[in-house]
Amino acid sequence: MKKKVKWQDITLMVGGFIFAPSLVISILDKATVPIATSLPTAVVLSAFVVVYFNLKLKLAALATSLTAICWYILFAMNI
């Protein structure tokens, strides 16, 4: 039996794949982002990844993982 992809998974994935590239631009430009912004955002997004996997929203989890990684990089660049 073929498993159907949920529309929520696709919607959240598209959003994640829009956020990640915009953050890559900030990384490449060596943007200054406050630690008080970047670390909490990265941690919360990491929690979202766990929730998405638990809900079997694998595409959303992948896209959100990329976005979280970008936030962790921005955090590391500014400590």
PDB file of N, CA and C in Angstrom:
ATOM      1  N   MET A   1       0.831  -1.178   0.000  1.00  0.00           N
ATOM      2  CA  MET A   1       0.000   0.000   0.000  1.00  0.00           C
ATOM      3  C   MET A   1       0.885   1.255   0.000  1.00  0.00           C
ATOM      4  N   LYS A   2       0.609   2.162  -0.901  1.00  0.00           N
ATOM      5  CA  LYS A   2       1.398   3.383  -1.026  1.00  0.00           C
ATOM      6  C   LYS A   2       0.994   4.382   0.053  1.00  0.00           C
ATOM      7  N   LYS A   3       2.001   4.950   0.712  1.00  0.00           N
ATOM      8  CA  LYS A   3       1.748   5.915   1.773  1.00  0.00           C
ATOM      9  C   LYS A   3       1.574   7.300   1.164  1.00  0.00           C
ATOM     10  N   LYS A   4       0.526   7.980   1.573  1.00  0.00           N
ATOM     11  CA  LYS A   4       0.221   9.309   1.056  1.00  0.00           C
ATOM     12  C   LYS A   4       0.927  10.374   1.907  1.00  0.00           C
ATOM     13  N   VAL A   5       1.549  11.335   1.250  1.00  0.00           N
ATOM     14  CA  VAL A   5       2.215  12.438   1.945  1.00  0.00           C
ATOM     15  C   VAL A   5       1.141  13.434   2.378  1.00  0.00           C
ATOM     16  N   LYS A   6       1.216  13.844   3.641  1.00  0.00           N
ATOM     17  CA  LYS A   6       0.245  14.789   4.178  1.00  0.00           C
ATOM     18  C   LYS A   6       0.510  16.194   3.645  1.00  0.00           C
ATOM     19  N   TRP A   7      -0.569  16.927   3.393  1.00  0.00           N
ATOM     20  CA  TRP A   7      -0.409  18.285   2.878  1.00  0.00           C
ATOM     21  C   TRP A   7       0.311  19.168   3.897  1.00  0.00           C
ATOM     22  N   GLN A   8       0.140  18.874   5.181  1.00  0.00           N
ATOM     23  CA  GLN A   8       0.816  19.658   6.207  1.00  0.00           C
ATOM     24  C   GLN A   8       2.333  19.477   6.107  1.00  0.00           C
ATOM     25  N   ASP A   9       2.759  18.265   5.804  1.00  0.00           N
ATOM     26  CA  ASP A   9       4.184  17.980   5.660  1.00  0.00           C
ATOM     27  C   ASP A   9       4.777  18.798   4.520  1.00  0.00           C
ATOM     28  N   ILE A  10       4.082  18.834   3.415  1.00  0.00           N
ATOM     29  CA  ILE A  10       4.562  19.586   2.246  1.00  0.00           C
ATOM     30  C   ILE A  10       4.580  21.084   2.540  1.00  0.00           C
ATOM     31  N   THR A  11       3.538  21.584   3.181  1.00  0.00           N
ATOM     32  CA  THR A  11       3.465  23.010   3.491  1.00  0.00           C
ATOM     33  C   THR A  11       4.590  23.437   4.424  1.00  0.00           C
ATOM     34  N   LEU A  12       4.819  22.669   5.485  1.00  0.00           N
ATOM     35  CA  LEU A  12       5.890  22.993   6.427  1.00  0.00           C
ATOM     36  C   LEU A  12       7.264  22.839   5.776  1.00  0.00           C
ATOM     37  N   MET A  13       7.406  21.872   4.885  1.00  0.00           N
ATOM     38  CA  MET A  13       8.675  21.687   4.180  1.00  0.00           C
ATOM     39  C   MET A  13       8.972  22.891   3.293  1.00  0.00           C
ATOM     40  N   VAL A  14       7.988  23.347   2.554  1.00  0.00           N
ATOM     41  CA  VAL A  14       8.191  24.503   1.671  1.00  0.00           C
ATOM     42  C   VAL A  14       8.615  25.719   2.499  1.00  0.00           C
ATOM     43  N   GLY A  15       7.943  25.925   3.629  1.00  0.00           N
ATOM     44  CA  GLY A  15       8.324  27.034   4.506  1.00  0.00           C
ATOM     45  C   GLY A  15       9.757  26.913   4.993  1.00  0.00           C
ATOM     46  N   GLY A  16      10.136  25.707   5.383  1.00  0.00           N
ATOM     47  CA  GLY A  16      11.501  25.480   5.852  1.00  0.00           C
ATOM     48  C   GLY A  16      12.528  25.715   4.768  1.00  0.00           C
ATOM     49  N   PHE A  17      12.203  25.305   3.553  1.00  0.00           N
ATOM     50  CA  PHE A  17      13.144  25.496   2.455  1.00  0.00           C
ATOM     51  C   PHE A  17      13.166  26.937   1.956  1.00  0.00           C
ATOM     52  N   ILE A  18      12.239  27.751   2.396  1.00  0.00           N
ATOM     53  CA  ILE A  18      12.306  29.189   2.115  1.00  0.00           C
ATOM     54  C   ILE A  18      13.164  29.877   3.189  1.00  0.00           C
ATOM     55  N   PHE A  19      12.980  29.462   4.451  1.00  0.00           N
ATOM     56  CA  PHE A  19      13.743  30.067   5.545  1.00  0.00           C
ATOM     57  C   PHE A  19      15.236  29.770   5.459  1.00  0.00           C
ATOM     58  N   ALA A  20      15.592  28.527   5.206  1.00  0.00           N
ATOM     59  CA  ALA A  20      17.008  28.130   5.232  1.00  0.00           C
ATOM     60  C   ALA A  20      17.872  28.937   4.256  1.00  0.00           C
ATOM     61  N   PRO A  21      17.489  29.057   2.978  1.00  0.00           N
ATOM     62  CA  PRO A  21      18.336  29.835   2.064  1.00  0.00           C
ATOM     63  C   PRO A  21      18.478  31.305   2.471  1.00  0.00           C
ATOM     64  N   SER A  22      17.420  31.869   3.036  1.00  0.00           N
ATOM     65  CA  SER A  22      17.536  33.266   3.464  1.00  0.00           C
ATOM     66  C   SER A  22      18.520  33.393   4.620  1.00  0.00           C
ATOM     67  N   LEU A  23      18.606  32.372   5.461  1.00  0.00           N
ATOM     68  CA  LEU A  23      19.582  32.392   6.543  1.00  0.00           C
ATOM     69  C   LEU A  23      20.998  32.148   6.029  1.00  0.00           C
ATOM     70  N   VAL A  24      21.116  31.362   4.971  1.00  0.00           N
ATOM     71  CA  VAL A  24      22.444  31.136   4.377  1.00  0.00           C
ATOM     72  C   VAL A  24      23.025  32.460   3.896  1.00  0.00           C
ATOM     73  N   ILE A  25      22.182  33.318   3.368  1.00  0.00           N
ATOM     74  CA  ILE A  25      22.643  34.641   2.934  1.00  0.00           C
ATOM     75  C   ILE A  25      23.202  35.414   4.126  1.00  0.00           C
ATOM     76  N   SER A  26      22.521  35.345   5.264  1.00  0.00           N
ATOM     77  CA  SER A  26      23.020  36.003   6.477  1.00  0.00           C
ATOM     78  C   SER A  26      24.343  35.408   6.928  1.00  0.00           C
ATOM     79  N   ILE A  27      24.477  34.099   6.794  1.00  0.00           N
ATOM     80  CA  ILE A  27      25.730  33.431   7.174  1.00  0.00           C
ATOM     81  C   ILE A  27      26.872  33.887   6.278  1.00  0.00           C
ATOM     82  N   LEU A  28      26.624  33.899   4.978  1.00  0.00           N
ATOM     83  CA  LEU A  28      27.666  34.291   4.026  1.00  0.00           C
ATOM     84  C   LEU A  28      28.064  35.763   4.180  1.00  0.00           C
ATOM     85  N   ASP A  29      27.101  36.595   4.548  1.00  0.00           N
ATOM     86  CA  ASP A  29      27.384  38.021   4.766  1.00  0.00           C
ATOM     87  C   ASP A  29      27.951  38.294   6.149  1.00  0.00           C
ATOM     88  N   LYS A  30      28.136  37.213   6.940  1.00  0.00           N
ATOM     89  CA  LYS A  30      28.660  37.329   8.305  1.00  0.00           C
ATOM     90  C   LYS A  30      27.845  38.326   9.128  1.00  0.00           C
ATOM     91  N   ALA A  31      26.527  38.151   9.049  1.00  0.00           N
ATOM     92  CA  ALA A  31      25.613  39.039   9.763  1.00  0.00           C
ATOM     93  C   ALA A  31      25.789  38.903  11.268  1.00  0.00           C
ATOM     94  N   THR A  32      25.604  40.016  11.943  1.00  0.00           N
ATOM     95  CA  THR A  32      25.641  40.008  13.398  1.00  0.00           C
ATOM     96  C   THR A  32      24.224  39.784  13.907  1.00  0.00           C
ATOM     97  N   VAL A  33      24.044  38.671  14.597  1.00  0.00           N
ATOM     98  CA  VAL A  33      22.740  38.322  15.154  1.00  0.00           C
ATOM     99  C   VAL A  33      22.920  38.151  16.659  1.00  0.00           C
ATOM    100  N   PRO A  34      22.085  38.800  17.450  1.00  0.00           N
ATOM    101  CA  PRO A  34      22.233  38.659  18.898  1.00  0.00           C
ATOM    102  C   PRO A  34      22.109  37.204  19.350  1.00  0.00           C
ATOM    103  N   ILE A  35      22.933  36.834  20.306  1.00  0.00           N
ATOM    104  CA  ILE A  35      22.879  35.477  20.863  1.00  0.00           C
ATOM    105  C   ILE A  35      21.507  35.224  21.471  1.00  0.00           C
ATOM    106  N   ALA A  36      20.911  36.253  22.054  1.00  0.00           N
ATOM    107  CA  ALA A  36      19.594  36.115  22.674  1.00  0.00           C
ATOM    108  C   ALA A  36      18.507  35.811  21.644  1.00  0.00           C
ATOM    109  N   THR A  37      18.803  36.011  20.379  1.00  0.00           N
ATOM    110  CA  THR A  37      17.868  35.667  19.305  1.00  0.00           C
ATOM    111  C   THR A  37      18.227  34.332  18.680  1.00  0.00           C
ATOM    112  N   SER A  38      19.491  34.144  18.353  1.00  0.00           N
ATOM    113  CA  SER A  38      19.885  32.971  17.577  1.00  0.00           C
ATOM    114  C   SER A  38      19.810  31.660  18.355  1.00  0.00           C
ATOM    115  N   LEU A  39      20.268  31.635  19.582  1.00  0.00           N
ATOM    116  CA  LEU A  39      20.275  30.380  20.338  1.00  0.00           C
ATOM    117  C   LEU A  39      18.861  29.894  20.672  1.00  0.00           C
ATOM    118  N   PRO A  40      17.988  30.751  21.219  1.00  0.00           N
ATOM    119  CA  PRO A  40      16.634  30.258  21.491  1.00  0.00           C
ATOM    120  C   PRO A  40      15.904  29.795  20.229  1.00  0.00           C
ATOM    121  N   THR A  41      16.117  30.499  19.134  1.00  0.00           N
ATOM    122  CA  THR A  41      15.482  30.100  17.882  1.00  0.00           C
ATOM    123  C   THR A  41      15.971  28.725  17.454  1.00  0.00           C
ATOM    124  N   ALA A  42      17.269  28.497  17.520  1.00  0.00           N
ATOM    125  CA  ALA A  42      17.832  27.203  17.137  1.00  0.00           C
ATOM    126  C   ALA A  42      17.315  26.080  18.032  1.00  0.00           C
ATOM    127  N   VAL A  43      17.248  26.337  19.323  1.00  0.00           N
ATOM    128  CA  VAL A  43      16.786  25.307  20.262  1.00  0.00           C
ATOM    129  C   VAL A  43      15.310  24.971  20.034  1.00  0.00           C
ATOM    130  N   VAL A  44      14.483  25.989  19.856  1.00  0.00           N
ATOM    131  CA  VAL A  44      13.055  25.748  19.623  1.00  0.00           C
ATOM    132  C   VAL A  44      12.844  25.010  18.303  1.00  0.00           C
ATOM    133  N   LEU A  45      13.569  25.402  17.271  1.00  0.00           N
ATOM    134  CA  LEU A  45      13.448  24.701  15.997  1.00  0.00           C
ATOM    135  C   LEU A  45      13.877  23.239  16.127  1.00  0.00           C
ATOM    136  N   SER A  46      14.887  22.987  16.939  1.00  0.00           N
ATOM    137  CA  SER A  46      15.314  21.603  17.183  1.00  0.00           C
ATOM    138  C   SER A  46      14.195  20.808  17.854  1.00  0.00           C
ATOM    139  N   ALA A  47      13.488  21.431  18.776  1.00  0.00           N
ATOM    140  CA  ALA A  47      12.342  20.767  19.405  1.00  0.00           C
ATOM    141  C   ALA A  47      11.252  20.500  18.380  1.00  0.00           C
ATOM    142  N   PHE A  48      11.040  21.451  17.469  1.00  0.00           N
ATOM    143  CA  PHE A  48      10.053  21.245  16.406  1.00  0.00           C
ATOM    144  C   PHE A  48      10.411  20.030  15.552  1.00  0.00           C
ATOM    145  N   VAL A  49      11.696  19.843  15.286  1.00  0.00           N
ATOM    146  CA  VAL A  49      12.145  18.698  14.485  1.00  0.00           C
ATOM    147  C   VAL A  49      11.717  17.394  15.147  1.00  0.00           C
ATOM    148  N   VAL A  50      11.907  17.313  16.454  1.00  0.00           N
ATOM    149  CA  VAL A  50      11.513  16.107  17.188  1.00  0.00           C
ATOM    150  C   VAL A  50      10.003  15.887  17.077  1.00  0.00           C
ATOM    151  N   VAL A  51       9.246  16.956  17.231  1.00  0.00           N
ATOM    152  CA  VAL A  51       7.785  16.854  17.128  1.00  0.00           C
ATOM    153  C   VAL A  51       7.378  16.413  15.720  1.00  0.00           C
ATOM    154  N   TYR A  52       7.982  17.012  14.697  1.00  0.00           N
ATOM    155  CA  TYR A  52       7.639  16.643  13.325  1.00  0.00           C
ATOM    156  C   TYR A  52       7.935  15.176  13.049  1.00  0.00           C
ATOM    157  N   PHE A  53       9.087  14.694  13.502  1.00  0.00           N
ATOM    158  CA  PHE A  53       9.398  13.272  13.324  1.00  0.00           C
ATOM    159  C   PHE A  53       8.384  12.403  14.051  1.00  0.00           C
ATOM    160  N   ASN A  54       8.009  12.818  15.248  1.00  0.00           N
ATOM    161  CA  ASN A  54       7.038  12.068  16.033  1.00  0.00           C
ATOM    162  C   ASN A  54       5.678  12.017  15.332  1.00  0.00           C
ATOM    163  N   LEU A  55       5.336  13.078  14.623  1.00  0.00           N
ATOM    164  CA  LEU A  55       4.079  13.127  13.866  1.00  0.00           C
ATOM    165  C   LEU A  55       4.225  12.525  12.462  1.00  0.00           C
ATOM    166  N   LYS A  56       5.397  11.981  12.179  1.00  0.00           N
ATOM    167  CA  LYS A  56       5.703  11.378  10.880  1.00  0.00           C
ATOM    168  C   LYS A  56       5.662  12.399   9.741  1.00  0.00           C
ATOM    169  N   LEU A  57       6.073  13.621  10.046  1.00  0.00           N
ATOM    170  CA  LEU A  57       6.197  14.683   9.044  1.00  0.00           C
ATOM    171  C   LEU A  57       7.679  14.805   8.697  1.00  0.00           C
ATOM    172  N   LYS A  58       8.164  13.829   7.951  1.00  0.00           N
ATOM    173  CA  LYS A  58       9.604  13.722   7.694  1.00  0.00           C
ATOM    174  C   LYS A  58      10.147  14.854   6.830  1.00  0.00           C
ATOM    175  N   LEU A  59       9.385  15.303   5.857  1.00  0.00           N
ATOM    176  CA  LEU A  59       9.853  16.396   5.005  1.00  0.00           C
ATOM    177  C   LEU A  59       9.976  17.694   5.803  1.00  0.00           C
ATOM    178  N   ALA A  60       8.991  17.942   6.654  1.00  0.00           N
ATOM    179  CA  ALA A  60       9.028  19.132   7.511  1.00  0.00           C
ATOM    180  C   ALA A  60      10.206  19.044   8.474  1.00  0.00           C
ATOM    181  N   ALA A  61      10.450  17.860   9.007  1.00  0.00           N
ATOM    182  CA  ALA A  61      11.572  17.677   9.927  1.00  0.00           C
ATOM    183  C   ALA A  61      12.894  17.959   9.222  1.00  0.00           C
ATOM    184  N   LEU A  62      13.034  17.495   8.001  1.00  0.00           N
ATOM    185  CA  LEU A  62      14.261  17.741   7.240  1.00  0.00           C
ATOM    186  C   LEU A  62      14.467  19.234   7.002  1.00  0.00           C
ATOM    187  N   ALA A  63      13.437  19.900   6.515  1.00  0.00           N
ATOM    188  CA  ALA A  63      13.549  21.325   6.212  1.00  0.00           C
ATOM    189  C   ALA A  63      13.815  22.131   7.481  1.00  0.00           C
ATOM    190  N   THR A  64      13.147  21.786   8.565  1.00  0.00           N
ATOM    191  CA  THR A  64      13.341  22.510   9.815  1.00  0.00           C
ATOM    192  C   THR A  64      14.724  22.235  10.395  1.00  0.00           C
ATOM    193  N   SER A  65      15.245  21.040  10.174  1.00  0.00           N
ATOM    194  CA  SER A  65      16.611  20.730  10.604  1.00  0.00           C
ATOM    195  C   SER A  65      17.610  21.666   9.932  1.00  0.00           C
ATOM    196  N   LEU A  66      17.434  21.877   8.641  1.00  0.00           N
ATOM    197  CA  LEU A  66      18.335  22.774   7.914  1.00  0.00           C
ATOM    198  C   LEU A  66      18.254  24.202   8.461  1.00  0.00           C
ATOM    199  N   THR A  67      17.034  24.638   8.748  1.00  0.00           N
ATOM    200  CA  THR A  67      16.855  25.978   9.298  1.00  0.00           C
ATOM    201  C   THR A  67      17.500  26.084  10.679  1.00  0.00           C
ATOM    202  N   ALA A  68      17.317  25.062  11.514  1.00  0.00           N
ATOM    203  CA  ALA A  68      17.929  25.060  12.852  1.00  0.00           C
ATOM    204  C   ALA A  68      19.447  25.087  12.751  1.00  0.00           C
ATOM    205  N   ILE A  69      20.000  24.312  11.839  1.00  0.00           N
ATOM    206  CA  ILE A  69      21.456  24.305  11.648  1.00  0.00           C
ATOM    207  C   ILE A  69      21.957  25.699  11.276  1.00  0.00           C
ATOM    208  N   CYS A  70      21.231  26.379  10.417  1.00  0.00           N
ATOM    209  CA  CYS A  70      21.619  27.744  10.046  1.00  0.00           C
ATOM    210  C   CYS A  70      21.626  28.655  11.263  1.00  0.00           C
ATOM    211  N   TRP A  71      20.624  28.515  12.138  1.00  0.00           N
ATOM    212  CA  TRP A  71      20.581  29.340  13.343  1.00  0.00           C
ATOM    213  C   TRP A  71      21.724  29.003  14.283  1.00  0.00           C
ATOM    214  N   TYR A  72      22.070  27.701  14.397  1.00  0.00           N
ATOM    215  CA  TYR A  72      23.221  27.323  15.227  1.00  0.00           C
ATOM    216  C   TYR A  72      24.511  27.917  14.661  1.00  0.00           C
ATOM    217  N   ILE A  73      24.635  27.943  13.347  1.00  0.00           N
ATOM    218  CA  ILE A  73      25.824  28.554  12.728  1.00  0.00           C
ATOM    219  C   ILE A  73      25.876  30.044  13.032  1.00  0.00           C
ATOM    220  N   LEU A  74      24.739  30.715  12.895  1.00  0.00           N
ATOM    221  CA  LEU A  74      24.696  32.158  13.222  1.00  0.00           C
ATOM    222  C   LEU A  74      25.050  32.397  14.692  1.00  0.00           C
ATOM    223  N   PHE A  75      24.571  31.534  15.559  1.00  0.00           N
ATOM    224  CA  PHE A  75      24.924  31.630  16.980  1.00  0.00           C
ATOM    225  C   PHE A  75      26.424  31.484  17.162  1.00  0.00           C
ATOM    226  N   ALA A  76      27.004  30.445  16.549  1.00  0.00           N
ATOM    227  CA  ALA A  76      28.438  30.175  16.697  1.00  0.00           C
ATOM    228  C   ALA A  76      29.292  31.317  16.129  1.00  0.00           C
ATOM    229  N   MET A  77      28.819  31.949  15.083  1.00  0.00           N
ATOM    230  CA  MET A  77      29.564  33.048  14.481  1.00  0.00           C
ATOM    231  C   MET A  77      29.599  34.288  15.384  1.00  0.00           C
ATOM    232  N   ASN A  78      28.629  34.380  16.280  1.00  0.00           N
ATOM    233  CA  ASN A  78      28.479  35.606  17.063  1.00  0.00           C
ATOM    234  C   ASN A  78      28.804  35.439  18.547  1.00  0.00           C
ATOM    235  N   ILE A  79      29.399  34.301  18.919  1.00  0.00           N
ATOM    236  CA  ILE A  79      29.789  34.157  20.327  1.00  0.00           C
ATOM    237  C   ILE A  79      31.214  34.628  20.526  1.00  0.00           C
TER     238      ILE A  79
END
